[in-house]
Amino acid sequence: MSDPEPKLNPNRAPNGGKGRPKGAKNRLTQCAKAAFEYAFEEIGGGKALADWANDNQGDFYKLYARCIPLDVNASVTLPKGIKVEFVEK
């Protein structure tokens, strides 16, 4: 007796559920970013943003703060003779 053939779900694509390959870019995100860049230039670019920021400084700084990375991994090499001391308060 041979093994029965596996049943395929007719409502699912042959590669369904595998997702994007590792490292592949999300096309929707790329398209949305390109559309925002286009709209940004069409409404005045950096000059228009600066004008808006002058009138809405609180909102501008909230948006700007979101652009700053939360985690920073840095390596620092100090010259000989320099000592760094960490003090807890």
PDB file of N, CA and C in Angstrom:
ATOM      1  N   MET A   1       0.852  -1.170   0.000  1.00  0.00           N
ATOM      2  CA  MET A   1       0.000   0.000   0.000  1.00  0.00           C
ATOM      3  C   MET A   1       0.894   1.228   0.000  1.00  0.00           C
ATOM      4  N   SER A   2       0.640   2.168  -0.903  1.00  0.00           N
ATOM      5  CA  SER A   2       1.453   3.377  -1.005  1.00  0.00           C
ATOM      6  C   SER A   2       0.858   4.493  -0.147  1.00  0.00           C
ATOM      7  N   ASP A   3       1.710   5.457   0.201  1.00  0.00           N
ATOM      8  CA  ASP A   3       1.243   6.603   0.984  1.00  0.00           C
ATOM      9  C   ASP A   3       0.301   7.446   0.141  1.00  0.00           C
ATOM     10  N   PRO A   4      -0.810   7.890   0.744  1.00  0.00           N
ATOM     11  CA  PRO A   4      -1.713   8.749  -0.020  1.00  0.00           C
ATOM     12  C   PRO A   4      -1.043  10.094  -0.285  1.00  0.00           C
ATOM     13  N   GLU A   5      -1.406  10.714  -1.398  1.00  0.00           N
ATOM     14  CA  GLU A   5      -0.864  12.027  -1.732  1.00  0.00           C
ATOM     15  C   GLU A   5      -1.361  13.046  -0.711  1.00  0.00           C
ATOM     16  N   PRO A   6      -0.513  14.000  -0.317  1.00  0.00           N
ATOM     17  CA  PRO A   6      -0.976  15.011   0.630  1.00  0.00           C
ATOM     18  C   PRO A   6      -2.055  15.872  -0.009  1.00  0.00           C
ATOM     19  N   LYS A   7      -3.047  16.211   0.779  1.00  0.00           N
ATOM     20  CA  LYS A   7      -4.132  17.036   0.272  1.00  0.00           C
ATOM     21  C   LYS A   7      -3.730  18.497   0.369  1.00  0.00           C
ATOM     22  N   LEU A   8      -3.886  19.234  -0.696  1.00  0.00           N
ATOM     23  CA  LEU A   8      -3.584  20.655  -0.720  1.00  0.00           C
ATOM     24  C   LEU A   8      -4.853  21.448  -0.479  1.00  0.00           C
ATOM     25  N   ASN A   9      -4.730  22.509   0.247  1.00  0.00           N
ATOM     26  CA  ASN A   9      -5.859  23.401   0.483  1.00  0.00           C
ATOM     27  C   ASN A   9      -6.112  24.179  -0.804  1.00  0.00           C
ATOM     28  N   PRO A  10      -7.276  24.026  -1.425  1.00  0.00           N
ATOM     29  CA  PRO A  10      -7.531  24.707  -2.700  1.00  0.00           C
ATOM     30  C   PRO A  10      -7.621  26.222  -2.552  1.00  0.00           C
ATOM     31  N   ASN A  11      -7.792  26.725  -1.337  1.00  0.00           N
ATOM     32  CA  ASN A  11      -7.917  28.164  -1.123  1.00  0.00           C
ATOM     33  C   ASN A  11      -6.582  28.831  -0.806  1.00  0.00           C
ATOM     34  N   ARG A  12      -5.513  28.084  -0.863  1.00  0.00           N
ATOM     35  CA  ARG A  12      -4.204  28.613  -0.493  1.00  0.00           C
ATOM     36  C   ARG A  12      -3.236  28.480  -1.657  1.00  0.00           C
ATOM     37  N   ALA A  13      -2.442  29.516  -1.854  1.00  0.00           N
ATOM     38  CA  ALA A  13      -1.434  29.480  -2.908  1.00  0.00           C
ATOM     39  C   ALA A  13      -0.404  28.408  -2.575  1.00  0.00           C
ATOM     40  N   PRO A  14       0.280  27.858  -3.575  1.00  0.00           N
ATOM     41  CA  PRO A  14       1.255  26.794  -3.322  1.00  0.00           C
ATOM     42  C   PRO A  14       2.345  27.202  -2.314  1.00  0.00           C
ATOM     43  N   ASN A  15       2.742  28.461  -2.331  1.00  0.00           N
ATOM     44  CA  ASN A  15       3.769  28.929  -1.402  1.00  0.00           C
ATOM     45  C   ASN A  15       3.152  29.731  -0.260  1.00  0.00           C
ATOM     46  N   GLY A  16       1.872  29.609  -0.052  1.00  0.00           N
ATOM     47  CA  GLY A  16       1.176  30.388   0.968  1.00  0.00           C
ATOM     48  C   GLY A  16       1.724  30.149   2.360  1.00  0.00           C
ATOM     49  N   GLY A  17       1.841  31.227   3.127  1.00  0.00           N
ATOM     50  CA  GLY A  17       2.278  31.130   4.502  1.00  0.00           C
ATOM     51  C   GLY A  17       3.777  31.228   4.700  1.00  0.00           C
ATOM     52  N   LYS A  18       4.545  31.234   3.621  1.00  0.00           N
ATOM     53  CA  LYS A  18       6.000  31.284   3.763  1.00  0.00           C
ATOM     54  C   LYS A  18       6.502  32.700   4.035  1.00  0.00           C
ATOM     55  N   GLY A  19       5.758  33.705   3.615  1.00  0.00           N
ATOM     56  CA  GLY A  19       6.177  35.089   3.838  1.00  0.00           C
ATOM     57  C   GLY A  19       7.293  35.512   2.898  1.00  0.00           C
ATOM     58  N   ARG A  20       7.794  36.722   3.137  1.00  0.00           N
ATOM     59  CA  ARG A  20       8.886  37.241   2.309  1.00  0.00           C
ATOM     60  C   ARG A  20      10.188  36.541   2.670  1.00  0.00           C
ATOM     61  N   PRO A  21      11.074  36.384   1.685  1.00  0.00           N
ATOM     62  CA  PRO A  21      12.399  35.842   1.996  1.00  0.00           C
ATOM     63  C   PRO A  21      13.154  36.796   2.931  1.00  0.00           C
ATOM     64  N   LYS A  22      14.046  36.271   3.738  1.00  0.00           N
ATOM     65  CA  LYS A  22      14.801  37.082   4.680  1.00  0.00           C
ATOM     66  C   LYS A  22      15.558  38.171   3.926  1.00  0.00           C
ATOM     67  N   GLY A  23      15.434  39.399   4.404  1.00  0.00           N
ATOM     68  CA  GLY A  23      16.125  40.532   3.796  1.00  0.00           C
ATOM     69  C   GLY A  23      15.359  41.211   2.685  1.00  0.00           C
ATOM     70  N   ALA A  24      14.229  40.641   2.261  1.00  0.00           N
ATOM     71  CA  ALA A  24      13.443  41.249   1.183  1.00  0.00           C
ATOM     72  C   ALA A  24      12.736  42.493   1.709  1.00  0.00           C
ATOM     73  N   LYS A  25      12.650  43.508   0.874  1.00  0.00           N
ATOM     74  CA  LYS A  25      12.008  44.762   1.247  1.00  0.00           C
ATOM     75  C   LYS A  25      10.499  44.632   1.097  1.00  0.00           C
ATOM     76  N   ASN A  26       9.774  45.307   1.971  1.00  0.00           N
ATOM     77  CA  ASN A  26       8.327  45.345   1.886  1.00  0.00           C
ATOM     78  C   ASN A  26       7.948  46.333   0.785  1.00  0.00           C
ATOM     79  N   ARG A  27       7.310  45.858  -0.267  1.00  0.00           N
ATOM     80  CA  ARG A  27       6.971  46.717  -1.408  1.00  0.00           C
ATOM     81  C   ARG A  27       5.964  47.791  -1.039  1.00  0.00           C
ATOM     82  N   LEU A  28       5.012  47.466  -0.195  1.00  0.00           N
ATOM     83  CA  LEU A  28       4.013  48.455   0.203  1.00  0.00           C
ATOM     84  C   LEU A  28       4.683  49.610   0.941  1.00  0.00           C
ATOM     85  N   THR A  29       5.613  49.308   1.833  1.00  0.00           N
ATOM     86  CA  THR A  29       6.336  50.342   2.558  1.00  0.00           C
ATOM     87  C   THR A  29       7.155  51.191   1.599  1.00  0.00           C
ATOM     88  N   GLN A  30       7.804  50.560   0.633  1.00  0.00           N
ATOM     89  CA  GLN A  30       8.593  51.297  -0.353  1.00  0.00           C
ATOM     90  C   GLN A  30       7.703  52.246  -1.155  1.00  0.00           C
ATOM     91  N   CYS A  31       6.531  51.777  -1.575  1.00  0.00           N
ATOM     92  CA  CYS A  31       5.608  52.610  -2.358  1.00  0.00           C
ATOM     93  C   CYS A  31       5.084  53.771  -1.523  1.00  0.00           C
ATOM     94  N   ALA A  32       4.733  53.502  -0.273  1.00  0.00           N
ATOM     95  CA  ALA A  32       4.219  54.558   0.597  1.00  0.00           C
ATOM     96  C   ALA A  32       5.296  55.610   0.842  1.00  0.00           C
ATOM     97  N   LYS A  33       6.526  55.177   1.082  1.00  0.00           N
ATOM     98  CA  LYS A  33       7.619  56.120   1.319  1.00  0.00           C
ATOM     99  C   LYS A  33       7.854  56.983   0.081  1.00  0.00           C
ATOM    100  N   ALA A  34       7.847  56.377  -1.086  1.00  0.00           N
ATOM    101  CA  ALA A  34       8.040  57.133  -2.325  1.00  0.00           C
ATOM    102  C   ALA A  34       6.913  58.140  -2.526  1.00  0.00           C
ATOM    103  N   ALA A  35       5.684  57.760  -2.198  1.00  0.00           N
ATOM    104  CA  ALA A  35       4.545  58.675  -2.346  1.00  0.00           C
ATOM    105  C   ALA A  35       4.677  59.859  -1.389  1.00  0.00           C
ATOM    106  N   PHE A  36       5.110  59.603  -0.152  1.00  0.00           N
ATOM    107  CA  PHE A  36       5.303  60.701   0.799  1.00  0.00           C
ATOM    108  C   PHE A  36       6.434  61.621   0.365  1.00  0.00           C
ATOM    109  N   GLU A  37       7.515  61.061  -0.165  1.00  0.00           N
ATOM    110  CA  GLU A  37       8.622  61.891  -0.646  1.00  0.00           C
ATOM    111  C   GLU A  37       8.162  62.781  -1.798  1.00  0.00           C
ATOM    112  N   TYR A  38       7.366  62.224  -2.700  1.00  0.00           N
ATOM    113  CA  TYR A  38       6.833  62.999  -3.819  1.00  0.00           C
ATOM    114  C   TYR A  38       5.941  64.133  -3.303  1.00  0.00           C
ATOM    115  N   ALA A  39       5.016  63.803  -2.398  1.00  0.00           N
ATOM    116  CA  ALA A  39       4.103  64.811  -1.858  1.00  0.00           C
ATOM    117  C   ALA A  39       4.881  65.889  -1.098  1.00  0.00           C
ATOM    118  N   PHE A  40       5.908  65.486  -0.354  1.00  0.00           N
ATOM    119  CA  PHE A  40       6.732  66.432   0.396  1.00  0.00           C
ATOM    120  C   PHE A  40       7.343  67.465  -0.540  1.00  0.00           C
ATOM    121  N   GLU A  41       7.908  67.014  -1.647  1.00  0.00           N
ATOM    122  CA  GLU A  41       8.509  67.938  -2.611  1.00  0.00           C
ATOM    123  C   GLU A  41       7.449  68.802  -3.291  1.00  0.00           C
ATOM    124  N   GLU A  42       6.299  68.222  -3.571  1.00  0.00           N
ATOM    125  CA  GLU A  42       5.232  68.968  -4.248  1.00  0.00           C
ATOM    126  C   GLU A  42       4.662  70.106  -3.388  1.00  0.00           C
ATOM    127  N   ILE A  43       4.671  69.945  -2.057  1.00  0.00           N
ATOM    128  CA  ILE A  43       4.097  70.988  -1.202  1.00  0.00           C
ATOM    129  C   ILE A  43       5.141  71.963  -0.676  1.00  0.00           C
ATOM    130  N   GLY A  44       6.368  71.875  -1.173  1.00  0.00           N
ATOM    131  CA  GLY A  44       7.358  72.872  -0.805  1.00  0.00           C
ATOM    132  C   GLY A  44       8.618  72.339  -0.167  1.00  0.00           C
ATOM    133  N   GLY A  45       8.704  71.046   0.066  1.00  0.00           N
ATOM    134  CA  GLY A  45       9.924  70.439   0.586  1.00  0.00           C
ATOM    135  C   GLY A  45      10.326  70.960   1.953  1.00  0.00           C
ATOM    136  N   GLY A  46      11.631  71.096   2.146  1.00  0.00           N
ATOM    137  CA  GLY A  46      12.183  71.500   3.427  1.00  0.00           C
ATOM    138  C   GLY A  46      11.754  72.896   3.860  1.00  0.00           C
ATOM    139  N   LYS A  47      11.626  73.815   2.914  1.00  0.00           N
ATOM    140  CA  LYS A  47      11.206  75.190   3.247  1.00  0.00           C
ATOM    141  C   LYS A  47       9.812  75.184   3.847  1.00  0.00           C
ATOM    142  N   ALA A  48       8.893  74.446   3.253  1.00  0.00           N
ATOM    143  CA  ALA A  48       7.523  74.378   3.773  1.00  0.00           C
ATOM    144  C   ALA A  48       7.500  73.702   5.142  1.00  0.00           C
ATOM    145  N   LEU A  49       8.328  72.681   5.331  1.00  0.00           N
ATOM    146  CA  LEU A  49       8.404  72.012   6.626  1.00  0.00           C
ATOM    147  C   LEU A  49       8.925  72.975   7.692  1.00  0.00           C
ATOM    148  N   ALA A  50       9.958  73.750   7.351  1.00  0.00           N
ATOM    149  CA  ALA A  50      10.513  74.722   8.300  1.00  0.00           C
ATOM    150  C   ALA A  50       9.473  75.781   8.663  1.00  0.00           C
ATOM    151  N   ASP A  51       8.709  76.248   7.687  1.00  0.00           N
ATOM    152  CA  ASP A  51       7.647  77.229   7.963  1.00  0.00           C
ATOM    153  C   ASP A  51       6.606  76.644   8.912  1.00  0.00           C
ATOM    154  N   TRP A  52       6.208  75.389   8.657  1.00  0.00           N
ATOM    155  CA  TRP A  52       5.228  74.728   9.528  1.00  0.00           C
ATOM    156  C   TRP A  52       5.818  74.535  10.927  1.00  0.00           C
ATOM    157  N   ALA A  53       7.092  74.144  10.995  1.00  0.00           N
ATOM    158  CA  ALA A  53       7.747  73.906  12.283  1.00  0.00           C
ATOM    159  C   ALA A  53       7.801  75.181  13.116  1.00  0.00           C
ATOM    160  N   ASN A  54       8.019  76.317  12.470  1.00  0.00           N
ATOM    161  CA  ASN A  54       8.026  77.588  13.197  1.00  0.00           C
ATOM    162  C   ASN A  54       6.680  77.864  13.841  1.00  0.00           C
ATOM    163  N   ASP A  55       5.612  77.516  13.162  1.00  0.00           N
ATOM    164  CA  ASP A  55       4.255  77.768  13.672  1.00  0.00           C
ATOM    165  C   ASP A  55       3.761  76.664  14.610  1.00  0.00           C
ATOM    166  N   ASN A  56       4.383  75.498  14.578  1.00  0.00           N
ATOM    167  CA  ASN A  56       3.929  74.338  15.359  1.00  0.00           C
ATOM    168  C   ASN A  56       5.117  73.647  16.021  1.00  0.00           C
ATOM    169  N   GLN A  57       5.847  74.380  16.836  1.00  0.00           N
ATOM    170  CA  GLN A  57       7.085  73.843  17.387  1.00  0.00           C
ATOM    171  C   GLN A  57       6.865  72.605  18.258  1.00  0.00           C
ATOM    172  N   GLY A  58       5.820  72.589  19.054  1.00  0.00           N
ATOM    173  CA  GLY A  58       5.556  71.419  19.902  1.00  0.00           C
ATOM    174  C   GLY A  58       5.350  70.165  19.081  1.00  0.00           C
ATOM    175  N   ASP A  59       4.504  70.259  18.048  1.00  0.00           N
ATOM    176  CA  ASP A  59       4.255  69.106  17.179  1.00  0.00           C
ATOM    177  C   ASP A  59       5.513  68.708  16.408  1.00  0.00           C
ATOM    178  N   PHE A  60       6.276  69.716  15.974  1.00  0.00           N
ATOM    179  CA  PHE A  60       7.504  69.432  15.229  1.00  0.00           C
ATOM    180  C   PHE A  60       8.478  68.626  16.085  1.00  0.00           C
ATOM    181  N   TYR A  61       8.683  69.052  17.335  1.00  0.00           N
ATOM    182  CA  TYR A  61       9.639  68.338  18.190  1.00  0.00           C
ATOM    183  C   TYR A  61       9.149  66.944  18.559  1.00  0.00           C
ATOM    184  N   LYS A  62       7.850  66.755  18.656  1.00  0.00           N
ATOM    185  CA  LYS A  62       7.318  65.404  18.898  1.00  0.00           C
ATOM    186  C   LYS A  62       7.661  64.490  17.719  1.00  0.00           C
ATOM    187  N   LEU A  63       7.462  64.997  16.495  1.00  0.00           N
ATOM    188  CA  LEU A  63       7.791  64.200  15.306  1.00  0.00           C
ATOM    189  C   LEU A  63       9.292  63.970  15.197  1.00  0.00           C
ATOM    190  N   TYR A  64      10.055  65.010  15.464  1.00  0.00           N
ATOM    191  CA  TYR A  64      11.511  64.905  15.365  1.00  0.00           C
ATOM    192  C   TYR A  64      12.052  63.879  16.355  1.00  0.00           C
ATOM    193  N   ALA A  65      11.503  63.867  17.568  1.00  0.00           N
ATOM    194  CA  ALA A  65      11.954  62.920  18.588  1.00  0.00           C
ATOM    195  C   ALA A  65      11.720  61.475  18.159  1.00  0.00           C
ATOM    196  N   ARG A  66      10.700  61.246  17.348  1.00  0.00           N
ATOM    197  CA  ARG A  66      10.422  59.883  16.872  1.00  0.00           C
ATOM    198  C   ARG A  66      11.456  59.413  15.852  1.00  0.00           C
ATOM    199  N   CYS A  67      12.207  60.340  15.281  1.00  0.00           N
ATOM    200  CA  CYS A  67      13.226  59.993  14.290  1.00  0.00           C
ATOM    201  C   CYS A  67      14.540  59.580  14.927  1.00  0.00           C
ATOM    202  N   ILE A  68      14.697  59.854  16.219  1.00  0.00           N
ATOM    203  CA  ILE A  68      15.940  59.540  16.913  1.00  0.00           C
ATOM    204  C   ILE A  68      15.914  58.066  17.319  1.00  0.00           C
ATOM    205  N   PRO A  69      16.969  57.308  17.026  1.00  0.00           N
ATOM    206  CA  PRO A  69      16.985  55.889  17.402  1.00  0.00           C
ATOM    207  C   PRO A  69      16.872  55.709  18.913  1.00  0.00           C
ATOM    208  N   LEU A  70      16.142  54.674  19.333  1.00  0.00           N
ATOM    209  CA  LEU A  70      15.992  54.397  20.756  1.00  0.00           C
ATOM    210  C   LEU A  70      17.232  53.731  21.328  1.00  0.00           C
ATOM    211  N   ASP A  71      17.854  52.867  20.556  1.00  0.00           N
ATOM    212  CA  ASP A  71      19.052  52.155  20.997  1.00  0.00           C
ATOM    213  C   ASP A  71      20.227  52.589  20.145  1.00  0.00           C
ATOM    214  N   VAL A  72      21.313  52.921  20.799  1.00  0.00           N
ATOM    215  CA  VAL A  72      22.524  53.289  20.079  1.00  0.00           C
ATOM    216  C   VAL A  72      23.637  52.354  20.548  1.00  0.00           C
ATOM    217  N   ASN A  73      24.209  51.634  19.613  1.00  0.00           N
ATOM    218  CA  ASN A  73      25.350  50.773  19.904  1.00  0.00           C
ATOM    219  C   ASN A  73      26.585  51.475  19.364  1.00  0.00           C
ATOM    220  N   ALA A  74      27.467  51.884  20.259  1.00  0.00           N
ATOM    221  CA  ALA A  74      28.638  52.632  19.831  1.00  0.00           C
ATOM    222  C   ALA A  74      29.891  52.040  20.469  1.00  0.00           C
ATOM    223  N   SER A  75      30.973  52.182  19.767  1.00  0.00           N
ATOM    224  CA  SER A  75      32.266  51.766  20.272  1.00  0.00           C
ATOM    225  C   SER A  75      33.148  53.009  20.297  1.00  0.00           C
ATOM    226  N   VAL A  76      33.771  53.262  21.447  1.00  0.00           N
ATOM    227  CA  VAL A  76      34.599  54.451  21.599  1.00  0.00           C
ATOM    228  C   VAL A  76      36.013  54.019  21.947  1.00  0.00           C
ATOM    229  N   THR A  77      36.970  54.558  21.225  1.00  0.00           N
ATOM    230  CA  THR A  77      38.372  54.312  21.517  1.00  0.00           C
ATOM    231  C   THR A  77      38.968  55.598  22.061  1.00  0.00           C
ATOM    232  N   LEU A  78      39.480  55.526  23.273  1.00  0.00           N
ATOM    233  CA  LEU A  78      40.044  56.710  23.922  1.00  0.00           C
ATOM    234  C   LEU A  78      41.555  56.742  23.740  1.00  0.00           C
ATOM    235  N   PRO A  79      42.117  57.943  23.623  1.00  0.00           N
ATOM    236  CA  PRO A  79      43.584  58.046  23.554  1.00  0.00           C
ATOM    237  C   PRO A  79      44.214  57.578  24.862  1.00  0.00           C
ATOM    238  N   LYS A  80      45.467  57.158  24.789  1.00  0.00           N
ATOM    239  CA  LYS A  80      46.169  56.711  25.994  1.00  0.00           C
ATOM    240  C   LYS A  80      46.212  57.838  27.010  1.00  0.00           C
ATOM    241  N   GLY A  81      46.026  57.468  28.276  1.00  0.00           N
ATOM    242  CA  GLY A  81      46.086  58.452  29.341  1.00  0.00           C
ATOM    243  C   GLY A  81      44.721  59.026  29.717  1.00  0.00           C
ATOM    244  N   ILE A  82      43.681  58.762  28.900  1.00  0.00           N
ATOM    245  CA  ILE A  82      42.346  59.243  29.201  1.00  0.00           C
ATOM    246  C   ILE A  82      41.607  58.154  29.967  1.00  0.00           C
ATOM    247  N   LYS A  83      41.024  58.509  31.093  1.00  0.00           N
ATOM    248  CA  LYS A  83      40.306  57.557  31.909  1.00  0.00           C
ATOM    249  C   LYS A  83      38.861  58.022  32.041  1.00  0.00           C
ATOM    250  N   VAL A  84      37.931  57.094  31.898  1.00  0.00           N
ATOM    251  CA  VAL A  84      36.505  57.395  32.047  1.00  0.00           C
ATOM    252  C   VAL A  84      36.007  56.688  33.292  1.00  0.00           C
ATOM    253  N   GLU A  85      35.294  57.407  34.110  1.00  0.00           N
ATOM    254  CA  GLU A  85      34.759  56.841  35.330  1.00  0.00           C
ATOM    255  C   GLU A  85      33.250  57.072  35.352  1.00  0.00           C
ATOM    256  N   PHE A  86      32.489  56.010  35.611  1.00  0.00           N
ATOM    257  CA  PHE A  86      31.040  56.117  35.687  1.00  0.00           C
ATOM    258  C   PHE A  86      30.648  56.217  37.161  1.00  0.00           C
ATOM    259  N   VAL A  87      29.819  57.182  37.466  1.00  0.00           N
ATOM    260  CA  VAL A  87      29.393  57.408  38.837  1.00  0.00           C
ATOM    261  C   VAL A  87      27.871  57.263  38.893  1.00  0.00           C
ATOM    262  N   GLU A  88      27.391  56.389  39.765  1.00  0.00           N
ATOM    263  CA  GLU A  88      25.953  56.236  39.955  1.00  0.00           C
ATOM    264  C   GLU A  88      25.452  57.236  40.962  1.00  0.00           C
ATOM    265  N   LYS A  89      24.299  57.814  40.704  1.00  0.00           N
ATOM    266  CA  LYS A  89      23.687  58.769  41.636  1.00  0.00           C
ATOM    267  C   LYS A  89      22.446  58.183  42.231  1.00  0.00           C
TER     268      LYS A  89
END
